[in-house]
Structure formats: C-alpha cells, structure tokens
C-alpha cells in the first residue's frame, strides 16, 4: 500500500527553488544536501517537494509541464500575500470555477506551476462528476 507520494524535480539551481518556497510558502527544510533538497509545505508530513541537481547523464533537467494543486484554507489571503504584496505574476488569475474551486496559478523558478485553490460549492452541472459520497 502506498503511504506517500513525493515528486522530485531535477533543476539547475537548488538555491533558487529553496528561496522561493521559503519566502512564499514558509517551507521547512527537512533535508538539505549538496545536490538534494526536501521541502515540507505546511504542517502535513506527506506534503513534500524534492529538488535535485543532475547527478547522472541519464537525468534531464525539468523544463515544465507539471501543475501541483495546493489546497489552502484561504486562497484570497494567499493571493494577496503572493501576488498583491509579493509581486509574483500569476499565470492564471484568481477566479471562481464552476467545478467547485476558487483559484489562481503561479510558476516557481524551475517551471513547476502551482495551482492554489480552496473549495467552493460546485455548480449543479458538475455535481455528478464527484465520485465520493461527500461530493469531494
């Protein structure tokens, strides 16, 4: 049985991603090696991101194409902190979606997209899409 899922991204600069996540997401460093970095986002033990520099010829640096969904308590407050006061440029604006979230999207220095959202009631046409008894 799977107990954890932690993505690892091969990047050119550990310092850039470390600074970004520490500054904007209050990340906690749980491992900091010369070439490997583990960041914990929030208090949840299973909410980790790993970054590493290239170690072998078969590894290629990440160039984009991944979106990580970050469920937060107050997406408006996070948007204010990151975009309004933090000067980050969103790649998707803060908006409500019919499928049941309010969100915005930014990109980290390595090209990972962060879809920051909170749940809101889904419109009726999306209710049947949810496959759990609670609707989420």
N, C-alpha and C. Protein backbone atom coordinates (compact mmCIF):
# COMPACT_ATOMS: atom_id res chain seq x y z
N UNK A 1 0.84 -1.18 0.00
CA UNK A 1 0.00 0.00 0.00
C UNK A 1 0.89 1.25 0.00
N UNK A 2 0.60 2.17 -0.87
CA UNK A 2 1.37 3.42 -0.96
C UNK A 2 1.08 4.28 0.27
N UNK A 3 2.13 4.80 0.87
CA UNK A 3 1.98 5.64 2.06
C UNK A 3 2.34 7.10 1.82
N UNK A 4 3.03 7.36 0.73
CA UNK A 4 3.43 8.74 0.45
C UNK A 4 3.73 8.87 -1.04
N UNK A 5 3.56 10.08 -1.55
CA UNK A 5 3.93 10.39 -2.92
C UNK A 5 4.66 11.72 -2.88
N UNK A 6 5.93 11.72 -3.29
CA UNK A 6 6.74 12.92 -3.26
C UNK A 6 7.43 13.11 -4.60
N UNK A 7 7.04 14.13 -5.36
CA UNK A 7 7.72 14.36 -6.64
C UNK A 7 9.12 14.94 -6.42
N UNK A 8 10.03 14.58 -7.32
CA UNK A 8 11.38 15.13 -7.31
C UNK A 8 11.64 15.74 -8.68
N UNK A 9 12.12 16.98 -8.66
CA UNK A 9 12.40 17.71 -9.89
C UNK A 9 13.89 17.95 -9.99
N UNK A 10 14.47 17.65 -11.14
CA UNK A 10 15.88 17.93 -11.40
C UNK A 10 15.95 19.36 -11.93
N UNK A 11 16.70 20.21 -11.21
CA UNK A 11 16.74 21.64 -11.52
C UNK A 11 18.19 22.12 -11.58
N UNK A 12 18.44 23.25 -12.26
CA UNK A 12 19.80 23.76 -12.32
C UNK A 12 20.25 24.43 -11.02
N UNK A 13 19.31 24.94 -10.21
CA UNK A 13 19.69 25.69 -9.01
C UNK A 13 18.80 25.33 -7.82
N UNK A 14 19.36 24.66 -6.85
CA UNK A 14 18.61 24.37 -5.62
C UNK A 14 18.36 25.66 -4.84
N UNK A 15 19.28 26.60 -4.90
CA UNK A 15 19.14 27.83 -4.15
C UNK A 15 17.92 28.63 -4.59
N UNK A 16 17.64 28.67 -5.88
CA UNK A 16 16.50 29.45 -6.38
C UNK A 16 15.17 28.88 -5.90
N UNK A 17 15.00 27.55 -5.99
CA UNK A 17 13.73 26.97 -5.54
C UNK A 17 13.62 27.02 -4.03
N UNK A 18 14.73 26.81 -3.34
CA UNK A 18 14.71 26.90 -1.87
C UNK A 18 14.25 28.29 -1.43
N UNK A 19 14.84 29.32 -1.98
CA UNK A 19 14.49 30.69 -1.62
C UNK A 19 13.02 30.98 -1.93
N UNK A 20 12.55 30.53 -3.09
CA UNK A 20 11.16 30.76 -3.50
C UNK A 20 10.18 30.14 -2.50
N UNK A 21 10.38 28.86 -2.18
CA UNK A 21 9.43 28.18 -1.30
C UNK A 21 9.56 28.63 0.15
N UNK A 22 10.74 28.97 0.59
CA UNK A 22 10.89 29.51 1.94
C UNK A 22 10.21 30.88 2.05
N UNK A 23 10.44 31.73 1.07
CA UNK A 23 9.89 33.09 1.11
C UNK A 23 8.38 33.11 0.94
N UNK A 24 7.87 32.37 -0.04
CA UNK A 24 6.46 32.50 -0.40
C UNK A 24 5.53 31.46 0.23
N UNK A 25 6.07 30.33 0.68
CA UNK A 25 5.22 29.27 1.22
C UNK A 25 5.67 28.81 2.61
N UNK A 26 6.58 29.55 3.24
CA UNK A 26 7.06 29.20 4.58
C UNK A 26 7.50 27.74 4.65
N UNK A 27 8.16 27.27 3.61
CA UNK A 27 8.61 25.88 3.55
C UNK A 27 9.63 25.60 4.64
N UNK A 28 9.57 24.38 5.15
CA UNK A 28 10.54 23.89 6.12
C UNK A 28 11.49 22.94 5.40
N UNK A 29 12.77 23.13 5.61
CA UNK A 29 13.76 22.26 5.01
C UNK A 29 13.87 21.02 5.89
N UNK A 30 13.60 19.84 5.31
CA UNK A 30 13.73 18.61 6.10
C UNK A 30 14.99 17.83 5.71
N UNK A 31 15.57 18.14 4.55
CA UNK A 31 16.85 17.57 4.15
C UNK A 31 17.51 18.56 3.22
N UNK A 32 18.76 18.86 3.47
CA UNK A 32 19.50 19.82 2.65
C UNK A 32 20.89 19.27 2.40
N UNK A 33 21.03 18.54 1.30
CA UNK A 33 22.32 18.01 0.91
C UNK A 33 22.93 18.89 -0.15
N UNK A 34 24.11 18.56 -0.56
CA UNK A 34 24.78 19.33 -1.61
C UNK A 34 23.97 19.37 -2.89
N UNK A 35 23.33 18.27 -3.22
CA UNK A 35 22.67 18.14 -4.51
C UNK A 35 21.21 17.73 -4.39
N UNK A 36 20.68 17.57 -3.17
CA UNK A 36 19.30 17.12 -2.97
C UNK A 36 18.66 17.93 -1.85
N UNK A 37 17.42 18.38 -2.07
CA UNK A 37 16.72 19.24 -1.13
C UNK A 37 15.29 18.74 -0.96
N UNK A 38 14.84 18.59 0.29
CA UNK A 38 13.46 18.21 0.59
C UNK A 38 12.81 19.36 1.34
N UNK A 39 11.70 19.85 0.80
CA UNK A 39 10.95 20.95 1.39
C UNK A 39 9.60 20.44 1.86
N UNK A 40 9.21 20.78 3.08
CA UNK A 40 7.87 20.46 3.57
C UNK A 40 7.03 21.72 3.50
N UNK A 41 5.87 21.60 2.83
CA UNK A 41 4.94 22.72 2.72
C UNK A 41 3.83 22.49 3.73
N UNK A 42 3.61 23.42 4.61
CA UNK A 42 2.57 23.29 5.61
C UNK A 42 2.96 22.29 6.69
N UNK A 43 1.98 21.94 7.50
CA UNK A 43 2.22 21.06 8.64
C UNK A 43 2.09 19.59 8.29
N UNK A 44 1.49 19.28 7.15
CA UNK A 44 1.24 17.88 6.79
C UNK A 44 2.54 17.16 6.44
N UNK A 45 2.77 16.04 7.06
CA UNK A 45 4.01 15.29 6.83
C UNK A 45 4.14 14.81 5.39
N UNK A 46 3.05 14.49 4.75
CA UNK A 46 3.10 13.98 3.38
C UNK A 46 3.13 15.05 2.31
N UNK A 47 3.27 16.30 2.69
CA UNK A 47 3.23 17.40 1.73
C UNK A 47 4.66 17.91 1.50
N UNK A 48 5.44 17.13 0.74
CA UNK A 48 6.84 17.45 0.49
C UNK A 48 7.11 17.62 -0.99
N UNK A 49 8.07 18.46 -1.28
CA UNK A 49 8.60 18.60 -2.64
C UNK A 49 10.10 18.36 -2.56
N UNK A 50 10.63 17.65 -3.54
CA UNK A 50 12.06 17.38 -3.59
C UNK A 50 12.64 17.97 -4.87
N UNK A 51 13.83 18.51 -4.73
CA UNK A 51 14.55 19.06 -5.87
C UNK A 51 15.97 18.54 -5.80
N UNK A 52 16.54 18.31 -6.96
CA UNK A 52 17.92 17.85 -7.01
C UNK A 52 18.61 18.41 -8.24
N UNK A 53 19.92 18.49 -8.16
CA UNK A 53 20.69 18.84 -9.35
C UNK A 53 21.04 17.55 -10.07
N UNK A 54 21.29 17.66 -11.34
CA UNK A 54 21.60 16.50 -12.17
C UNK A 54 22.83 15.77 -11.65
N UNK A 55 22.71 14.45 -11.50
CA UNK A 55 23.79 13.64 -10.96
C UNK A 55 24.36 12.63 -11.94
N UNK A 56 23.54 12.22 -12.90
CA UNK A 56 23.98 11.23 -13.87
C UNK A 56 23.58 11.68 -15.27
N UNK A 57 24.26 11.20 -16.29
CA UNK A 57 23.95 11.63 -17.66
C UNK A 57 22.52 11.32 -18.11
N UNK A 58 21.88 10.30 -17.52
CA UNK A 58 20.53 9.95 -17.95
C UNK A 58 19.46 10.87 -17.37
N UNK A 59 19.81 11.72 -16.41
CA UNK A 59 18.84 12.66 -15.83
C UNK A 59 18.80 13.93 -16.66
N UNK A 60 17.61 14.42 -16.90
CA UNK A 60 17.47 15.69 -17.61
C UNK A 60 16.80 16.70 -16.68
N UNK A 61 17.16 17.94 -16.85
CA UNK A 61 16.57 18.98 -16.01
C UNK A 61 15.11 19.20 -16.41
N UNK A 62 14.31 19.45 -15.40
CA UNK A 62 12.89 19.71 -15.59
C UNK A 62 12.71 21.01 -16.38
N UNK A 63 11.83 20.97 -17.38
CA UNK A 63 11.60 22.16 -18.21
C UNK A 63 10.14 22.60 -18.20
N UNK A 64 9.35 22.06 -17.32
CA UNK A 64 7.95 22.48 -17.22
C UNK A 64 7.01 21.37 -17.63
N UNK A 65 5.73 21.65 -17.46
CA UNK A 65 4.71 20.69 -17.85
C UNK A 65 4.02 20.00 -16.70
N UNK A 66 4.32 20.40 -15.46
CA UNK A 66 3.66 19.82 -14.28
C UNK A 66 2.95 20.93 -13.52
N UNK A 67 1.74 20.62 -13.08
CA UNK A 67 1.00 21.52 -12.21
C UNK A 67 0.72 20.80 -10.91
N UNK A 68 1.10 21.40 -9.79
CA UNK A 68 0.80 20.86 -8.47
C UNK A 68 -0.38 21.64 -7.89
N UNK A 69 -1.38 20.93 -7.42
CA UNK A 69 -2.57 21.55 -6.85
C UNK A 69 -2.38 21.70 -5.35
N UNK A 70 -2.43 22.92 -4.86
CA UNK A 70 -2.25 23.20 -3.45
C UNK A 70 -3.58 23.66 -2.85
N UNK A 71 -4.22 22.80 -2.09
CA UNK A 71 -5.46 23.14 -1.40
C UNK A 71 -5.09 23.97 -0.18
N UNK A 72 -5.63 25.16 -0.08
CA UNK A 72 -5.33 26.06 1.03
C UNK A 72 -6.63 26.48 1.72
N UNK A 73 -6.49 26.98 2.93
CA UNK A 73 -7.65 27.40 3.71
C UNK A 73 -8.27 28.67 3.13
N UNK A 74 -7.43 29.64 2.77
CA UNK A 74 -7.91 30.95 2.31
C UNK A 74 -7.13 31.37 1.08
N UNK A 75 -7.66 31.06 -0.09
CA UNK A 75 -6.94 31.35 -1.34
C UNK A 75 -6.85 32.85 -1.59
N UNK A 76 -7.83 33.62 -1.13
CA UNK A 76 -7.77 35.07 -1.31
C UNK A 76 -6.62 35.68 -0.51
N UNK A 77 -6.42 35.21 0.72
CA UNK A 77 -5.31 35.70 1.53
C UNK A 77 -3.97 35.31 0.93
N UNK A 78 -3.88 34.07 0.41
CA UNK A 78 -2.63 33.63 -0.23
C UNK A 78 -2.36 34.45 -1.48
N UNK A 79 -3.39 34.70 -2.28
CA UNK A 79 -3.25 35.53 -3.48
C UNK A 79 -2.76 36.92 -3.10
N UNK A 80 -3.34 37.50 -2.06
CA UNK A 80 -2.91 38.83 -1.61
C UNK A 80 -1.44 38.81 -1.21
N UNK A 81 -1.04 37.79 -0.46
CA UNK A 81 0.34 37.70 0.02
C UNK A 81 1.33 37.48 -1.13
N UNK A 82 0.98 36.59 -2.08
CA UNK A 82 1.92 36.24 -3.15
C UNK A 82 1.91 37.22 -4.32
N UNK A 83 0.72 37.62 -4.73
CA UNK A 83 0.59 38.42 -5.95
C UNK A 83 0.54 39.92 -5.63
N UNK A 84 -0.38 40.32 -4.77
CA UNK A 84 -0.55 41.74 -4.49
C UNK A 84 0.65 42.30 -3.74
N UNK A 85 1.07 41.62 -2.65
CA UNK A 85 2.18 42.14 -1.85
C UNK A 85 3.52 41.49 -2.19
N UNK A 86 3.49 40.27 -2.76
CA UNK A 86 4.72 39.55 -3.04
C UNK A 86 5.26 39.75 -4.44
N UNK A 87 4.52 40.45 -5.27
CA UNK A 87 4.94 40.78 -6.63
C UNK A 87 5.16 39.57 -7.54
N UNK A 88 4.53 38.43 -7.23
CA UNK A 88 4.59 37.31 -8.16
C UNK A 88 3.53 37.53 -9.22
N UNK A 89 3.82 37.11 -10.43
CA UNK A 89 2.88 37.30 -11.54
C UNK A 89 2.11 36.00 -11.77
N UNK A 90 0.80 36.04 -11.61
CA UNK A 90 0.03 34.80 -11.82
C UNK A 90 -0.03 34.45 -13.31
N UNK A 91 -0.02 33.15 -13.60
CA UNK A 91 -0.22 32.71 -14.97
C UNK A 91 -1.69 32.42 -15.23
N UNK A 92 -2.47 32.33 -14.16
CA UNK A 92 -3.94 32.28 -14.22
C UNK A 92 -4.45 33.17 -13.11
N UNK A 93 -5.43 34.02 -13.39
CA UNK A 93 -5.91 34.96 -12.39
C UNK A 93 -6.76 34.27 -11.31
N UNK A 94 -6.96 34.97 -10.22
CA UNK A 94 -7.85 34.50 -9.16
C UNK A 94 -9.28 34.55 -9.68
N UNK A 95 -9.93 33.37 -9.66
CA UNK A 95 -11.31 33.31 -10.17
C UNK A 95 -12.02 32.08 -9.64
N UNK A 96 -13.34 32.14 -9.67
CA UNK A 96 -14.19 31.01 -9.28
C UNK A 96 -14.42 30.11 -10.49
N UNK A 97 -14.48 28.81 -10.24
CA UNK A 97 -14.72 27.84 -11.31
C UNK A 97 -15.97 27.02 -11.01
N UNK A 98 -16.71 26.72 -12.05
CA UNK A 98 -17.98 26.00 -11.93
C UNK A 98 -17.81 24.62 -11.32
N UNK A 99 -16.63 24.01 -11.48
CA UNK A 99 -16.42 22.66 -10.96
C UNK A 99 -16.20 22.64 -9.45
N UNK A 100 -16.10 23.82 -8.81
CA UNK A 100 -16.08 23.87 -7.36
C UNK A 100 -14.79 24.31 -6.71
N UNK A 101 -14.08 25.24 -7.33
CA UNK A 101 -12.94 25.82 -6.63
C UNK A 101 -12.77 27.28 -7.01
N UNK A 102 -12.08 27.99 -6.15
CA UNK A 102 -11.64 29.36 -6.39
C UNK A 102 -10.12 29.27 -6.39
N UNK A 103 -9.48 29.77 -7.46
CA UNK A 103 -8.06 29.51 -7.60
C UNK A 103 -7.32 30.58 -8.39
N UNK A 104 -6.00 30.46 -8.31
CA UNK A 104 -5.08 31.19 -9.18
C UNK A 104 -3.86 30.30 -9.35
N UNK A 105 -3.01 30.63 -10.31
CA UNK A 105 -1.86 29.78 -10.61
C UNK A 105 -0.62 30.65 -10.80
N UNK A 106 0.48 30.21 -10.18
CA UNK A 106 1.78 30.85 -10.34
C UNK A 106 2.80 29.80 -10.76
N UNK A 107 3.99 30.23 -11.12
CA UNK A 107 5.05 29.31 -11.52
C UNK A 107 6.28 29.55 -10.66
N UNK A 108 6.90 28.45 -10.21
CA UNK A 108 8.12 28.58 -9.40
C UNK A 108 9.34 28.76 -10.33
N UNK A 109 10.52 29.03 -9.79
CA UNK A 109 11.70 29.28 -10.63
C UNK A 109 12.10 28.11 -11.53
N UNK A 110 11.69 26.89 -11.19
CA UNK A 110 12.06 25.73 -12.01
C UNK A 110 11.03 25.44 -13.10
N UNK A 111 9.90 26.15 -13.11
CA UNK A 111 8.87 25.92 -14.11
C UNK A 111 7.69 25.11 -13.60
N UNK A 112 7.69 24.71 -12.34
CA UNK A 112 6.54 24.00 -11.76
C UNK A 112 5.42 25.00 -11.57
N UNK A 113 4.22 24.66 -12.08
CA UNK A 113 3.05 25.50 -11.88
C UNK A 113 2.38 25.11 -10.57
N UNK A 114 1.99 26.11 -9.80
CA UNK A 114 1.32 25.89 -8.53
C UNK A 114 -0.10 26.43 -8.64
N UNK A 115 -1.05 25.50 -8.66
CA UNK A 115 -2.47 25.83 -8.75
C UNK A 115 -2.98 25.92 -7.32
N UNK A 116 -3.12 27.13 -6.82
CA UNK A 116 -3.51 27.38 -5.43
C UNK A 116 -5.03 27.57 -5.40
N UNK A 117 -5.71 26.78 -4.56
CA UNK A 117 -7.16 26.82 -4.58
C UNK A 117 -7.77 26.52 -3.22
N UNK A 118 -9.05 26.88 -3.10
CA UNK A 118 -9.88 26.44 -2.00
C UNK A 118 -11.20 25.97 -2.61
N UNK A 119 -11.86 25.09 -1.90
CA UNK A 119 -13.13 24.55 -2.38
C UNK A 119 -14.25 25.56 -2.20
N UNK A 120 -15.12 25.62 -3.19
CA UNK A 120 -16.38 26.36 -3.11
C UNK A 120 -17.44 25.41 -3.66
N UNK A 121 -18.71 25.69 -3.45
CA UNK A 121 -19.74 24.78 -3.98
C UNK A 121 -19.66 24.67 -5.51
N UNK A 122 -19.70 23.45 -5.98
CA UNK A 122 -19.72 23.21 -7.44
C UNK A 122 -21.11 23.50 -7.97
N UNK A 123 -21.17 23.97 -9.19
CA UNK A 123 -22.47 24.18 -9.84
C UNK A 123 -23.12 22.83 -10.11
N UNK A 124 -24.40 22.87 -10.26
CA UNK A 124 -25.20 21.65 -10.41
C UNK A 124 -24.69 20.75 -11.53
N UNK A 125 -24.26 21.33 -12.65
CA UNK A 125 -23.82 20.52 -13.78
C UNK A 125 -22.55 19.71 -13.48
N UNK A 126 -21.84 20.04 -12.40
CA UNK A 126 -20.64 19.30 -12.03
C UNK A 126 -20.86 18.35 -10.86
N UNK A 127 -22.00 18.40 -10.22
CA UNK A 127 -22.25 17.55 -9.05
C UNK A 127 -22.07 16.07 -9.36
N UNK A 128 -22.52 15.61 -10.51
CA UNK A 128 -22.42 14.19 -10.86
C UNK A 128 -20.98 13.75 -11.14
N UNK A 129 -20.07 14.69 -11.31
CA UNK A 129 -18.67 14.35 -11.58
C UNK A 129 -17.96 13.83 -10.35
N UNK A 130 -18.40 14.21 -9.17
CA UNK A 130 -17.75 13.79 -7.93
C UNK A 130 -18.15 12.37 -7.60
N UNK A 131 -17.19 11.53 -7.33
CA UNK A 131 -17.43 10.09 -7.15
C UNK A 131 -17.32 9.62 -5.70
N UNK A 132 -17.23 10.55 -4.76
CA UNK A 132 -17.19 10.16 -3.35
C UNK A 132 -18.54 10.51 -2.71
N UNK A 133 -18.90 9.80 -1.65
CA UNK A 133 -20.20 10.06 -1.01
C UNK A 133 -20.39 11.48 -0.53
N UNK A 134 -19.31 12.17 -0.15
CA UNK A 134 -19.43 13.54 0.37
C UNK A 134 -19.41 14.58 -0.73
N UNK A 135 -19.20 14.17 -1.96
CA UNK A 135 -19.13 15.14 -3.06
C UNK A 135 -17.74 15.66 -3.30
N UNK A 136 -16.78 15.25 -2.51
CA UNK A 136 -15.38 15.67 -2.68
C UNK A 136 -14.48 14.49 -2.44
